[in-house]
Amino acid sequence: MSEGLTRYQVMDPLGEGGQGTTYRGVDRATDRAVAIKVLSLKAKRDWKSFDLFEREVAVLKSLSHPRIPLYIDSYASEDTGDFFLVMSLVDGVPLSRYIKESRRLPGRGLAGLLDEALSILEYLHGLAPPVIHRDIKPANMLLTPDGKLSLVDFGGVRLAARVEGGSTVIGTFGYMAPEQLHGSATQAVDVYGLGATLAAMHAGCEADALPHDGLRIDIESLQLPPELSDVIGRMVEPDPRLRLGTVAAVRKALAAQGRKLAPPRSRPADERPGEPRATRPDALARGPGAAAATVPRDVPAPMALLAQTPFPLSFLVWMVAALASGSLIVFEVVVLPLVSALASGMDKRSKSPERRTKLKASIEEMRRTVVSTRRAFTWVAGRTSPVGEDEPPPRR
């Protein structure tokens, strides 16, 4: 009998993935809590799952990062056909729990989440060869009691330089880059998964339920913070040739936006003693270390000055900006499609190619103006909101 079968006690389940179920366990030799991933080969009858399980074991052995589970042991049971991977236990709450509760993460929370996740991917992608996770999603990202982010479940991990034929499709729909359907494993697929995760956390729903324009997630409709909207949109670009495909590219794009991400703060003074930060959806969101607000490029200077209006006049500015933003949303969602439909009818009847081209250009210019103006008002409303900074107006 394997020593591991007597040394480790498997307890309650923590989560289930494509390559096995993870349980909370106890190391009887040290009386330490551990995480134990179990692959039942008899139940799956799938040797590809076993191959992926072995790959996960091998890769975890080579990793050493404070925000990634530490490999402890691995063993098997010949009698049951079960295989076991023992790791350090990450005590935290999966980000997917907030989505299940329809709780949205505001701007500063997204900035902190992005910065921490990029640091983890920076380590993985900087190895030789790079390690690609291939299943970045809220369920695999845990917020620990100290307010830090950890990445778990390396069941789909792959070495980018490894050449393989007939690769199994790994990933989760909504968070999976289109090229993963063809077995692609590059740094760009992890960047896509992270971008989709950020969009889902802000919207309060899983990525496959987000509004789409063809294959592309409709980022503009999500009312993301202006300073992050463009970057996240480029992270989830379906065409990998146009996507921000590396951590360095994402950081460069953030720098171009004038956004300097700061690490999350320590436990706030108003938090109840003993309450883990992992129970709070804004654990990465606020505090003295948070980034100072910068003025987006599409916000005119007069509106930027309005955002600095002191209280109580700021309340009036917030009301006007919120009403204007809401009105423009209605115009964008209801009026513009009607105008476009009417124009399309005129377009079909028109015999002049020049007239058709000018008509389409005018409608597109109108759409861009409405979107830009709506974003500016949304930004002003967020800066002057009486309920807290960075909380966007209600989602359309």
Protein backbone atom coordinates (compact mmCIF):
# COMPACT_ATOMS: atom_id res chain seq x y z
CA MET A 1 0.00 0.00 0.00
CA SER A 2 1.25 3.47 -0.88
CA GLU A 3 2.46 5.51 2.10
CA GLY A 4 0.35 8.42 0.90
CA LEU A 5 -2.89 6.48 1.42
CA THR A 6 -2.22 6.25 5.14
CA ARG A 7 -0.50 9.60 5.58
CA TYR A 8 -3.13 11.87 4.01
CA GLN A 9 -6.81 11.95 4.99
CA VAL A 10 -9.22 13.12 2.29
CA MET A 11 -12.08 15.23 3.68
CA ASP A 12 -14.71 17.57 2.21
CA PRO A 13 -14.66 18.59 -1.49
CA LEU A 14 -13.44 22.06 -2.47
CA GLY A 15 -14.17 22.02 -6.18
CA GLU A 16 -14.33 19.91 -9.31
CA GLY A 17 -12.42 20.44 -12.54
CA GLY A 18 -11.90 18.67 -15.83
CA GLN A 19 -9.03 16.57 -14.50
CA GLY A 20 -10.35 15.58 -11.08
CA THR A 21 -11.92 16.75 -7.83
CA THR A 22 -10.02 18.72 -5.20
CA TYR A 23 -10.65 18.01 -1.52
CA ARG A 24 -9.63 19.56 1.75
CA GLY A 25 -7.35 17.11 3.54
CA VAL A 26 -5.04 16.61 6.48
CA ASP A 27 -1.40 15.52 6.52
CA ARG A 28 -1.42 13.15 9.50
CA ALA A 29 2.37 13.31 9.79
CA THR A 30 2.40 17.08 10.36
CA ASP A 31 -1.26 17.70 11.30
CA ARG A 32 -1.30 20.33 8.56
CA ALA A 33 -4.28 21.16 6.32
CA VAL A 34 -3.63 20.41 2.66
CA ALA A 35 -5.46 20.30 -0.66
CA ILE A 36 -5.70 16.89 -2.34
CA LYS A 37 -6.66 16.55 -6.00
CA VAL A 38 -8.04 13.12 -6.91
CA LEU A 39 -8.26 11.70 -10.42
CA SER A 40 -10.37 8.54 -10.63
CA LEU A 41 -9.21 6.80 -13.78
CA LYS A 42 -11.81 4.01 -13.45
CA ALA A 43 -14.59 6.58 -13.43
CA LYS A 44 -13.20 8.60 -16.35
CA ARG A 45 -11.69 5.79 -18.44
CA ASP A 46 -9.76 8.56 -20.15
CA TRP A 47 -5.99 8.26 -20.52
CA LYS A 48 -5.77 11.84 -21.79
CA SER A 49 -6.98 12.98 -18.35
CA PHE A 50 -4.21 10.92 -16.80
CA ASP A 51 -1.68 12.53 -19.13
CA LEU A 52 -2.88 16.01 -18.11
CA PHE A 53 -2.83 14.98 -14.44
CA GLU A 54 0.79 13.83 -14.71
CA ARG A 55 1.68 17.04 -16.52
CA GLU A 56 0.11 19.08 -13.69
CA VAL A 57 2.16 17.16 -11.14
CA ALA A 58 5.39 17.70 -13.09
CA VAL A 59 4.77 21.42 -13.63
CA LEU A 60 3.74 22.13 -10.01
CA LYS A 61 6.96 20.48 -8.86
CA SER A 62 8.89 23.11 -10.80
CA LEU A 63 6.90 26.15 -9.59
CA SER A 64 7.67 28.32 -6.60
CA HIS A 65 5.47 31.38 -6.18
CA PRO A 66 3.64 32.64 -3.07
CA ARG A 67 0.37 32.93 -4.99
CA ILE A 68 0.44 29.45 -6.54
CA PRO A 69 -0.21 26.19 -4.58
CA LEU A 70 3.01 24.48 -3.51
CA TYR A 71 3.56 20.87 -4.56
CA ILE A 72 3.84 18.53 -1.54
CA ASP A 73 3.37 14.91 -2.67
CA SER A 74 1.75 12.58 -5.20
CA TYR A 75 0.76 8.92 -4.98
CA ALA A 76 -1.70 6.35 -6.35
CA SER A 77 -4.00 3.55 -5.26
CA GLU A 78 -3.60 0.40 -7.35
CA ASP A 79 -6.79 -1.07 -5.91
CA THR A 80 -9.13 1.78 -6.88
CA GLY A 81 -7.23 3.29 -9.82
CA ASP A 82 -7.20 6.69 -8.12
CA PHE A 83 -4.31 9.13 -8.41
CA PHE A 84 -3.61 11.83 -5.80
CA LEU A 85 -1.84 15.18 -5.93
CA VAL A 86 -1.17 16.88 -2.56
CA MET A 87 -0.67 20.65 -2.51
CA SER A 88 -0.58 23.46 0.02
CA LEU A 89 -4.11 24.60 0.87
CA VAL A 90 -5.03 28.08 -0.36
CA ASP A 91 -7.49 29.51 2.16
CA GLY A 92 -9.64 31.84 0.12
CA VAL A 93 -12.90 32.56 -1.65
CA PRO A 94 -13.15 31.98 -5.42
CA LEU A 95 -14.06 35.11 -7.36
CA SER A 96 -16.86 33.09 -8.95
CA ARG A 97 -18.76 33.30 -5.66
CA TYR A 98 -19.23 37.04 -6.15
CA ILE A 99 -20.58 36.38 -9.64
CA LYS A 100 -23.05 33.82 -8.26
CA GLU A 101 -24.24 36.52 -5.86
CA SER A 102 -24.43 39.06 -8.73
CA ARG A 103 -21.99 41.33 -6.92
CA ARG A 104 -20.03 43.65 -9.20
CA LEU A 105 -16.44 44.77 -8.77
CA PRO A 106 -15.93 48.54 -9.24
CA GLY A 107 -13.05 50.28 -10.98
CA ARG A 108 -10.40 50.23 -8.29
CA GLY A 109 -11.17 46.60 -7.55
CA LEU A 110 -10.60 45.76 -11.22
CA ALA A 111 -7.31 47.65 -11.19
CA GLY A 112 -6.05 45.75 -8.15
CA LEU A 113 -7.22 42.41 -9.55
CA LEU A 114 -5.54 43.11 -12.89
CA ASP A 115 -2.25 44.10 -11.25
CA GLU A 116 -2.09 41.01 -9.03
CA ALA A 117 -3.06 38.63 -11.84
CA LEU A 118 -0.48 40.15 -14.18
CA SER A 119 2.22 39.57 -11.56
CA ILE A 120 1.33 35.86 -11.37
CA LEU A 121 1.24 35.49 -15.17
CA GLU A 122 4.51 37.41 -15.39
CA TYR A 123 6.14 34.67 -13.32
CA LEU A 124 4.56 31.78 -15.25
CA HIS A 125 5.19 33.23 -18.70
CA GLY A 126 8.74 34.22 -17.74
CA LEU A 127 9.81 30.63 -17.14
CA ALA A 128 11.79 28.68 -19.75
CA PRO A 129 9.77 27.37 -21.44
CA PRO A 130 6.77 29.58 -20.51
CA VAL A 131 4.03 27.87 -18.49
CA ILE A 132 0.54 28.52 -19.91
CA HIS A 133 -2.36 27.99 -17.50
CA ARG A 134 -5.06 27.79 -20.26
CA ASP A 135 -8.01 28.08 -17.86
CA ILE A 136 -7.91 31.57 -16.35
CA LYS A 137 -11.38 32.28 -14.93
CA PRO A 138 -13.01 33.51 -11.69
CA ALA A 139 -13.45 29.97 -10.32
CA ASN A 140 -9.67 29.44 -10.46
CA MET A 141 -8.76 32.72 -8.78
CA LEU A 142 -9.05 32.89 -4.98
CA LEU A 143 -9.12 35.97 -2.80
CA THR A 144 -7.28 35.09 0.42
CA PRO A 145 -7.95 36.53 3.91
CA ASP A 146 -5.02 38.94 3.52
CA GLY A 147 -6.65 40.43 0.43
CA LYS A 148 -4.25 38.82 -2.04
CA LEU A 149 -5.03 36.87 -5.20
CA SER A 150 -4.01 33.25 -5.77
CA LEU A 151 -4.23 31.19 -8.97
CA VAL A 152 -5.22 27.52 -8.61
CA ASP A 153 -6.12 24.45 -10.70
CA PHE A 154 -3.28 23.79 -13.11
CA GLY A 155 -5.11 20.84 -14.67
CA GLY A 156 -4.95 22.39 -18.13
CA VAL A 157 -1.39 23.65 -17.86
CA ARG A 158 0.89 23.37 -20.86
CA LEU A 159 4.47 24.28 -21.71
CA ALA A 160 4.37 26.72 -24.60
CA ALA A 161 7.47 25.30 -26.28
CA ARG A 162 6.29 21.70 -26.16
CA VAL A 163 5.28 20.30 -29.55
CA GLU A 164 2.32 17.96 -29.47
CA GLY A 165 -0.10 16.52 -31.95
CA GLY A 166 -3.84 16.14 -31.49
CA SER A 167 -3.99 18.42 -28.43
CA THR A 168 -7.14 18.22 -26.31
CA VAL A 169 -9.20 21.42 -26.16
CA ILE A 170 -8.68 22.97 -22.73
CA GLY A 171 -10.56 25.94 -21.31
CA THR A 172 -13.98 27.21 -20.29
CA PHE A 173 -16.40 28.76 -22.77
CA GLY A 174 -16.63 32.49 -22.29
CA TYR A 175 -13.08 32.70 -20.92
CA MET A 176 -11.45 30.63 -23.65
CA ALA A 177 -9.72 32.42 -26.53
CA PRO A 178 -11.08 31.35 -29.95
CA GLU A 179 -7.75 29.83 -31.00
CA GLN A 180 -7.90 27.39 -28.05
CA LEU A 181 -10.47 25.45 -30.06
CA HIS A 182 -7.53 24.49 -32.27
CA GLY A 183 -5.33 23.54 -29.30
CA SER A 184 -3.29 26.76 -29.27
CA ALA A 185 -1.28 27.35 -26.09
CA THR A 186 0.42 30.73 -26.11
CA GLN A 187 0.70 33.53 -23.57
CA ALA A 188 -2.10 35.29 -25.45
CA VAL A 189 -4.72 32.72 -24.34
CA ASP A 190 -4.02 33.49 -20.67
CA VAL A 191 -4.26 37.23 -21.39
CA TYR A 192 -7.65 36.65 -23.05
CA GLY A 193 -8.89 34.63 -20.07
CA LEU A 194 -7.82 37.37 -17.67
CA GLY A 195 -9.54 40.06 -19.75
CA ALA A 196 -12.77 38.04 -19.87
CA THR A 197 -12.52 37.50 -16.10
CA LEU A 198 -12.23 41.25 -15.48
CA ALA A 199 -15.25 41.94 -17.70
CA ALA A 200 -17.27 39.23 -15.92
CA MET A 201 -16.35 40.51 -12.45
CA HIS A 202 -17.42 44.04 -13.37
CA ALA A 203 -20.69 42.89 -14.97
CA GLY A 204 -21.55 40.44 -12.19
CA CYS A 205 -22.20 37.53 -14.57
CA GLU A 206 -20.21 34.74 -16.20
CA ALA A 207 -18.36 35.65 -19.38
CA ASP A 208 -20.52 33.49 -21.64
CA ALA A 209 -23.53 35.63 -20.58
CA LEU A 210 -21.86 38.93 -21.49
CA PRO A 211 -23.21 40.84 -24.50
CA HIS A 212 -21.35 39.96 -27.69
CA ASP A 213 -20.90 41.53 -31.09
CA GLY A 214 -20.16 38.44 -33.17
CA LEU A 215 -17.16 36.70 -31.56
CA ARG A 216 -16.16 39.88 -29.75
CA ILE A 217 -17.28 40.71 -26.20
CA ASP A 218 -19.16 44.02 -26.43
CA ILE A 219 -16.90 45.90 -24.03
CA GLU A 220 -18.51 49.29 -24.73
CA SER A 221 -21.88 48.12 -23.39
CA LEU A 222 -20.37 47.11 -20.02
CA GLN A 223 -19.54 50.65 -18.87
CA LEU A 224 -16.10 49.67 -17.67
CA PRO A 225 -13.98 52.46 -16.16
CA PRO A 226 -12.68 54.53 -19.11
CA GLU A 227 -9.07 54.08 -18.03
CA LEU A 228 -9.43 50.29 -18.21
CA SER A 229 -12.05 49.83 -20.93
CA ASP A 230 -9.71 50.13 -23.91
CA VAL A 231 -7.05 47.86 -22.38
CA ILE A 232 -9.53 45.12 -21.42
CA GLY A 233 -11.13 45.39 -24.86
CA ARG A 234 -7.76 44.74 -26.49
CA MET A 235 -7.08 41.84 -24.10
CA VAL A 236 -10.22 40.03 -25.34
CA GLU A 237 -9.72 40.78 -29.03
CA PRO A 238 -10.74 37.52 -30.83
CA ASP A 239 -7.94 37.82 -33.39
CA PRO A 240 -4.70 36.92 -31.57
CA ARG A 241 -2.75 39.04 -34.04
CA LEU A 242 -4.57 42.16 -32.81
CA ARG A 243 -4.76 41.19 -29.13
CA LEU A 244 -2.52 42.44 -26.35
CA GLY A 245 -0.83 39.05 -26.24
CA THR A 246 1.69 39.34 -23.41
CA VAL A 247 1.89 40.73 -19.89
CA ALA A 248 4.42 43.29 -21.09
CA ALA A 249 2.02 44.47 -23.81
CA VAL A 250 -0.80 44.89 -21.27
CA ARG A 251 1.41 46.85 -18.88
CA LYS A 252 2.60 49.06 -21.73
CA ALA A 253 -1.02 49.74 -22.75
CA LEU A 254 -1.89 50.62 -19.16
CA ALA A 255 1.05 52.99 -18.97
CA ALA A 256 -0.12 54.64 -22.20
CA GLN A 257 -3.50 55.22 -20.54
CA GLY A 258 -1.69 56.94 -17.69
CA ARG A 259 -2.83 54.30 -15.24
CA LYS A 260 -0.43 53.25 -12.47
CA LEU A 261 -1.79 50.25 -10.63
CA ALA A 262 -1.12 50.12 -6.91
CA PRO A 263 -1.15 47.03 -4.68
CA PRO A 264 -4.23 46.44 -2.52
CA ARG A 265 -4.26 48.08 0.89
CA SER A 266 -3.93 46.44 4.26
CA ARG A 267 -7.03 45.57 6.30
CA PRO A 268 -9.22 48.69 6.63
CA ALA A 269 -9.84 50.20 10.05
CA ASP A 270 -13.62 49.96 9.69
CA GLU A 271 -13.57 46.22 9.02
CA ARG A 272 -14.87 44.04 11.83
CA PRO A 273 -12.13 42.15 13.72
CA GLY A 274 -11.87 38.58 12.55
CA GLU A 275 -13.78 39.18 9.32
CA PRO A 276 -11.64 37.84 6.44
CA ARG A 277 -11.17 40.24 3.57
CA ALA A 278 -12.00 37.36 1.25
CA THR A 279 -15.68 37.83 2.16
CA ARG A 280 -15.65 41.34 0.72
CA PRO A 281 -15.97 41.90 -3.05
CA ASP A 282 -14.15 45.23 -2.73
CA ALA A 283 -11.15 43.73 -0.95
CA LEU A 284 -8.91 44.77 -3.84
CA ALA A 285 -10.77 47.99 -4.45
CA ARG A 286 -9.94 50.88 -2.15
CA GLY A 287 -7.50 52.45 0.23
CA PRO A 288 -4.54 54.83 0.54
CA GLY A 289 -2.50 52.79 -1.93
CA ALA A 290 -5.14 52.94 -4.66
CA ALA A 291 -4.26 54.72 -7.89
CA ALA A 292 -5.17 58.38 -8.24
CA ALA A 293 -7.87 59.07 -10.78
CA THR A 294 -6.58 60.22 -14.14
CA VAL A 295 -8.55 62.09 -16.75
CA PRO A 296 -9.33 59.85 -19.75
CA ARG A 297 -8.52 61.16 -23.19
CA ASP A 298 -12.18 61.44 -24.24
CA VAL A 299 -13.15 63.68 -21.30
CA PRO A 300 -13.08 67.39 -22.29
CA ALA A 301 -11.21 69.77 -19.98
CA PRO A 302 -14.38 71.63 -18.80
CA MET A 303 -15.98 68.33 -17.76
CA ALA A 304 -12.78 67.31 -15.96
CA LEU A 305 -13.02 70.54 -13.97
CA LEU A 306 -16.65 69.76 -13.11
CA ALA A 307 -15.48 66.48 -11.60
CA GLN A 308 -13.47 68.49 -9.06
CA THR A 309 -16.52 70.45 -7.83
CA PRO A 310 -16.56 70.44 -4.00
CA PHE A 311 -19.48 69.16 -1.94
CA PRO A 312 -22.40 70.02 -1.80
CA LEU A 313 -22.34 71.37 -5.39
CA SER A 314 -20.79 68.07 -6.50
CA PHE A 315 -24.12 66.39 -5.71
CA LEU A 316 -25.82 68.55 -8.33
CA VAL A 317 -23.05 67.78 -10.84
CA TRP A 318 -23.48 64.07 -10.14
CA MET A 319 -27.25 64.24 -10.75
CA VAL A 320 -26.84 66.06 -14.06
CA ALA A 321 -24.01 63.76 -15.23
CA ALA A 322 -25.89 60.60 -14.25
CA LEU A 323 -29.08 61.78 -16.01
CA ALA A 324 -27.10 62.74 -19.11
CA SER A 325 -25.31 59.39 -19.14
CA GLY A 326 -28.62 57.53 -18.78
CA SER A 327 -30.23 59.56 -21.56
CA LEU A 328 -27.33 58.86 -23.89
CA ILE A 329 -27.58 55.15 -23.10
CA VAL A 330 -31.24 55.24 -24.19
CA PHE A 331 -30.27 57.16 -27.32
CA GLU A 332 -27.47 54.68 -28.07
CA VAL A 333 -29.57 51.57 -27.44
CA VAL A 334 -32.95 52.67 -28.83
CA VAL A 335 -32.66 55.69 -31.13
CA LEU A 336 -29.43 54.91 -32.97
CA PRO A 337 -30.55 51.40 -34.09
CA LEU A 338 -33.78 52.96 -35.45
CA VAL A 339 -31.82 55.61 -37.31
CA SER A 340 -29.49 52.93 -38.64
CA ALA A 341 -32.43 50.79 -39.77
CA LEU A 342 -34.09 53.72 -41.55
CA ALA A 343 -30.80 54.66 -43.16
CA SER A 344 -30.33 51.07 -44.28
CA GLY A 345 -33.72 51.24 -46.04
CA MET A 346 -32.76 54.48 -47.75
CA ASP A 347 -29.41 52.95 -48.61
CA LYS A 348 -31.05 50.11 -50.51
CA ARG A 349 -33.24 52.52 -52.51
CA SER A 350 -30.40 54.91 -53.31
CA LYS A 351 -28.64 54.49 -56.64
CA SER A 352 -25.72 56.73 -55.66
CA PRO A 353 -22.72 54.87 -54.15
CA GLU A 354 -21.32 58.18 -52.85
CA ARG A 355 -24.54 58.96 -51.01
CA ARG A 356 -24.58 55.51 -49.42
CA THR A 357 -20.97 55.88 -48.29
CA LYS A 358 -21.58 59.34 -46.80
CA LEU A 359 -24.70 58.11 -45.01
CA LYS A 360 -22.86 55.20 -43.38
CA ALA A 361 -19.97 57.47 -42.39
CA SER A 362 -22.37 59.99 -40.81
CA ILE A 363 -24.12 57.33 -38.74
CA GLU A 364 -20.81 55.87 -37.57
CA GLU A 365 -19.56 59.35 -36.64
CA MET A 366 -22.78 59.95 -34.69
CA ARG A 367 -22.33 56.66 -32.85
CA ARG A 368 -18.73 57.47 -31.91
CA THR A 369 -19.75 60.91 -30.64
CA VAL A 370 -22.57 59.49 -28.52
CA VAL A 371 -20.32 56.78 -27.04
CA SER A 372 -17.52 59.27 -26.29
CA THR A 373 -19.88 61.78 -24.69
CA ARG A 374 -21.62 59.07 -22.67
CA ARG A 375 -18.26 57.83 -21.36
CA ALA A 376 -17.30 61.37 -20.34
CA PHE A 377 -20.54 61.89 -18.39
CA THR A 378 -20.15 58.43 -16.80
CA TRP A 379 -16.64 59.36 -15.68
CA VAL A 380 -17.83 62.65 -14.16
CA ALA A 381 -20.69 60.85 -12.40
CA GLY A 382 -18.22 58.32 -10.97
CA ARG A 383 -15.91 61.07 -9.68
CA THR A 384 -18.73 63.03 -8.00
CA SER A 385 -20.90 60.13 -6.82
CA PRO A 386 -22.13 60.63 -3.22
CA VAL A 387 -22.05 56.86 -2.60
CA GLY A 388 -18.36 56.42 -3.24
CA GLU A 389 -15.74 56.85 -5.92
CA ASP A 390 -15.52 54.55 -8.89
CA GLU A 391 -19.05 53.19 -8.52
CA PRO A 392 -20.50 53.45 -12.04
CA PRO A 393 -24.10 54.38 -12.77
CA PRO A 394 -26.54 51.46 -13.12
CA ARG A 395 -25.70 49.03 -15.89
CA ARG A 396 -27.85 49.23 -18.98
